[in-house]
């Protein structure tokens, strides 16, 4: 199975994931979606659109449950994760 075989993962996101050394769904399943999203931003030198995080959350859900849900259904969860990350960064001075 390729990354592109996962629901919501297209060629562009799959390519970005490969730049982090994630080449298969099995490898993606071991990664935290928020940390992966932040690593993509660091690796690419720019902040990715938050919908990339929502897509990673949808992929994680599929890998854990086998249930395919559109990425936009993870918007609220993703916003909460990003808000919490912002608070942590502010407290630590990052």
C-alpha atoms as a PDB file:
ATOM      1  CA  UNK A   1       0.000   0.000   0.000  1.00  0.00           C
ATOM      2  CA  UNK A   2       1.237   3.502  -0.889  1.00  0.00           C
ATOM      3  CA  UNK A   3       0.578   6.733   0.975  1.00  0.00           C
ATOM      4  CA  UNK A   4      -1.664   7.823  -1.908  1.00  0.00           C
ATOM      5  CA  UNK A   5      -3.858   4.788  -1.263  1.00  0.00           C
ATOM      6  CA  UNK A   6      -4.975   6.351   2.020  1.00  0.00           C
ATOM      7  CA  UNK A   7      -8.195   8.389   1.947  1.00  0.00           C
ATOM      8  CA  UNK A   8      -7.511  12.139   1.735  1.00  0.00           C
ATOM      9  CA  UNK A   9      -3.793  11.715   0.880  1.00  0.00           C
ATOM     10  CA  UNK A  10      -2.941  12.965  -2.583  1.00  0.00           C
ATOM     11  CA  UNK A  11       0.309  13.191  -4.513  1.00  0.00           C
ATOM     12  CA  UNK A  12       1.358  16.511  -2.998  1.00  0.00           C
ATOM     13  CA  UNK A  13       0.935  15.526   0.661  1.00  0.00           C
ATOM     14  CA  UNK A  14       2.465  12.107  -0.036  1.00  0.00           C
ATOM     15  CA  UNK A  15       5.498  13.831  -1.547  1.00  0.00           C
ATOM     16  CA  UNK A  16       5.796  16.118   1.477  1.00  0.00           C
ATOM     17  CA  UNK A  17       5.593  13.123   3.818  1.00  0.00           C
ATOM     18  CA  UNK A  18       8.308  11.328   1.860  1.00  0.00           C
ATOM     19  CA  UNK A  19      10.562  14.367   2.376  1.00  0.00           C
ATOM     20  CA  UNK A  20      10.338  13.527   6.102  1.00  0.00           C
ATOM     21  CA  UNK A  21      11.234   9.888   5.501  1.00  0.00           C
ATOM     22  CA  UNK A  22       7.651   8.639   5.731  1.00  0.00           C
ATOM     23  CA  UNK A  23       7.223   6.289   2.782  1.00  0.00           C
ATOM     24  CA  UNK A  24       4.349   4.011   3.742  1.00  0.00           C
ATOM     25  CA  UNK A  25       1.062   4.032   5.637  1.00  0.00           C
ATOM     26  CA  UNK A  26       2.700   1.825   8.264  1.00  0.00           C
ATOM     27  CA  UNK A  27       5.355   4.481   8.890  1.00  0.00           C
ATOM     28  CA  UNK A  28       2.714   7.223   8.992  1.00  0.00           C
ATOM     29  CA  UNK A  29       0.715   5.236  11.559  1.00  0.00           C
ATOM     30  CA  UNK A  30       3.600   5.529  14.034  1.00  0.00           C
ATOM     31  CA  UNK A  31       3.789   9.314  13.766  1.00  0.00           C
ATOM     32  CA  UNK A  32       1.849  11.887  15.748  1.00  0.00           C
ATOM     33  CA  UNK A  33      -0.208  14.036  13.319  1.00  0.00           C
ATOM     34  CA  UNK A  34       0.607  17.361  15.015  1.00  0.00           C
ATOM     35  CA  UNK A  35       4.328  16.620  15.262  1.00  0.00           C
ATOM     36  CA  UNK A  36       4.328  15.516  11.624  1.00  0.00           C
ATOM     37  CA  UNK A  37       2.529  18.717  10.588  1.00  0.00           C
ATOM     38  CA  UNK A  38       5.056  20.836  12.502  1.00  0.00           C
ATOM     39  CA  UNK A  39       7.963  18.849  11.036  1.00  0.00           C
ATOM     40  CA  UNK A  40       6.609  19.489   7.542  1.00  0.00           C
ATOM     41  CA  UNK A  41       6.583  23.216   8.252  1.00  0.00           C
ATOM     42  CA  UNK A  42      10.164  23.098   9.536  1.00  0.00           C
ATOM     43  CA  UNK A  43      11.312  20.949   6.627  1.00  0.00           C
ATOM     44  CA  UNK A  44       9.668  23.117   3.967  1.00  0.00           C
ATOM     45  CA  UNK A  45      10.640  26.399   5.601  1.00  0.00           C
ATOM     46  CA  UNK A  46       7.052  27.640   5.725  1.00  0.00           C
ATOM     47  CA  UNK A  47       3.892  27.046   7.697  1.00  0.00           C
ATOM     48  CA  UNK A  48       1.570  24.644   5.939  1.00  0.00           C
ATOM     49  CA  UNK A  49      -2.130  25.314   5.666  1.00  0.00           C
ATOM     50  CA  UNK A  50      -3.930  23.846   8.699  1.00  0.00           C
ATOM     51  CA  UNK A  51      -5.932  21.589   6.369  1.00  0.00           C
ATOM     52  CA  UNK A  52      -2.751  19.503   6.085  1.00  0.00           C
ATOM     53  CA  UNK A  53      -3.029  18.783   9.816  1.00  0.00           C
ATOM     54  CA  UNK A  54      -6.703  17.899   9.394  1.00  0.00           C
ATOM     55  CA  UNK A  55      -5.724  15.533   6.582  1.00  0.00           C
ATOM     56  CA  UNK A  56      -3.127  13.867   8.797  1.00  0.00           C
ATOM     57  CA  UNK A  57      -5.735  13.468  11.540  1.00  0.00           C
ATOM     58  CA  UNK A  58      -8.120  11.871   9.030  1.00  0.00           C
ATOM     59  CA  UNK A  59      -5.355   9.514   7.873  1.00  0.00           C
ATOM     60  CA  UNK A  60      -4.567   8.566  11.481  1.00  0.00           C
ATOM     61  CA  UNK A  61      -8.253   7.859  12.086  1.00  0.00           C
ATOM     62  CA  UNK A  62      -8.409   5.633   9.015  1.00  0.00           C
ATOM     63  CA  UNK A  63      -5.233   3.765   9.978  1.00  0.00           C
ATOM     64  CA  UNK A  64      -6.569   3.125  13.475  1.00  0.00           C
ATOM     65  CA  UNK A  65     -10.192   2.319  12.640  1.00  0.00           C
ATOM     66  CA  UNK A  66     -10.457   1.562   8.917  1.00  0.00           C
ATOM     67  CA  UNK A  67     -13.149   4.237   8.688  1.00  0.00           C
ATOM     68  CA  UNK A  68     -12.716   6.798   5.905  1.00  0.00           C
ATOM     69  CA  UNK A  69     -13.897  10.260   6.946  1.00  0.00           C
ATOM     70  CA  UNK A  70     -13.354  13.479   4.942  1.00  0.00           C
ATOM     71  CA  UNK A  71     -10.466  15.567   6.251  1.00  0.00           C
ATOM     72  CA  UNK A  72     -12.675  18.603   6.959  1.00  0.00           C
ATOM     73  CA  UNK A  73     -14.491  16.631   9.644  1.00  0.00           C
ATOM     74  CA  UNK A  74     -11.271  16.952  11.684  1.00  0.00           C
ATOM     75  CA  UNK A  75     -11.189  20.763  11.533  1.00  0.00           C
ATOM     76  CA  UNK A  76     -12.322  21.328  15.117  1.00  0.00           C
ATOM     77  CA  UNK A  77      -9.921  18.739  16.539  1.00  0.00           C
ATOM     78  CA  UNK A  78      -7.087  20.251  14.516  1.00  0.00           C
ATOM     79  CA  UNK A  79      -7.901  23.783  15.664  1.00  0.00           C
ATOM     80  CA  UNK A  80      -7.819  22.616  19.275  1.00  0.00           C
ATOM     81  CA  UNK A  81      -4.424  20.957  18.765  1.00  0.00           C
ATOM     82  CA  UNK A  82      -3.006  24.079  17.103  1.00  0.00           C
ATOM     83  CA  UNK A  83      -4.364  26.334  19.855  1.00  0.00           C
ATOM     84  CA  UNK A  84      -2.803  24.124  22.524  1.00  0.00           C
ATOM     85  CA  UNK A  85       0.499  24.082  20.605  1.00  0.00           C
ATOM     86  CA  UNK A  86       0.463  27.887  20.382  1.00  0.00           C
ATOM     87  CA  UNK A  87      -0.011  28.151  24.157  1.00  0.00           C
ATOM     88  CA  UNK A  88       2.884  25.753  24.756  1.00  0.00           C
ATOM     89  CA  UNK A  89       5.128  27.697  22.362  1.00  0.00           C
ATOM     90  CA  UNK A  90       4.293  31.004  24.032  1.00  0.00           C
ATOM     91  CA  UNK A  91       5.064  29.617  27.492  1.00  0.00           C
ATOM     92  CA  UNK A  92       8.352  28.097  26.389  1.00  0.00           C
ATOM     93  CA  UNK A  93       9.386  31.177  24.420  1.00  0.00           C
ATOM     94  CA  UNK A  94       9.600  29.389  21.043  1.00  0.00           C
END
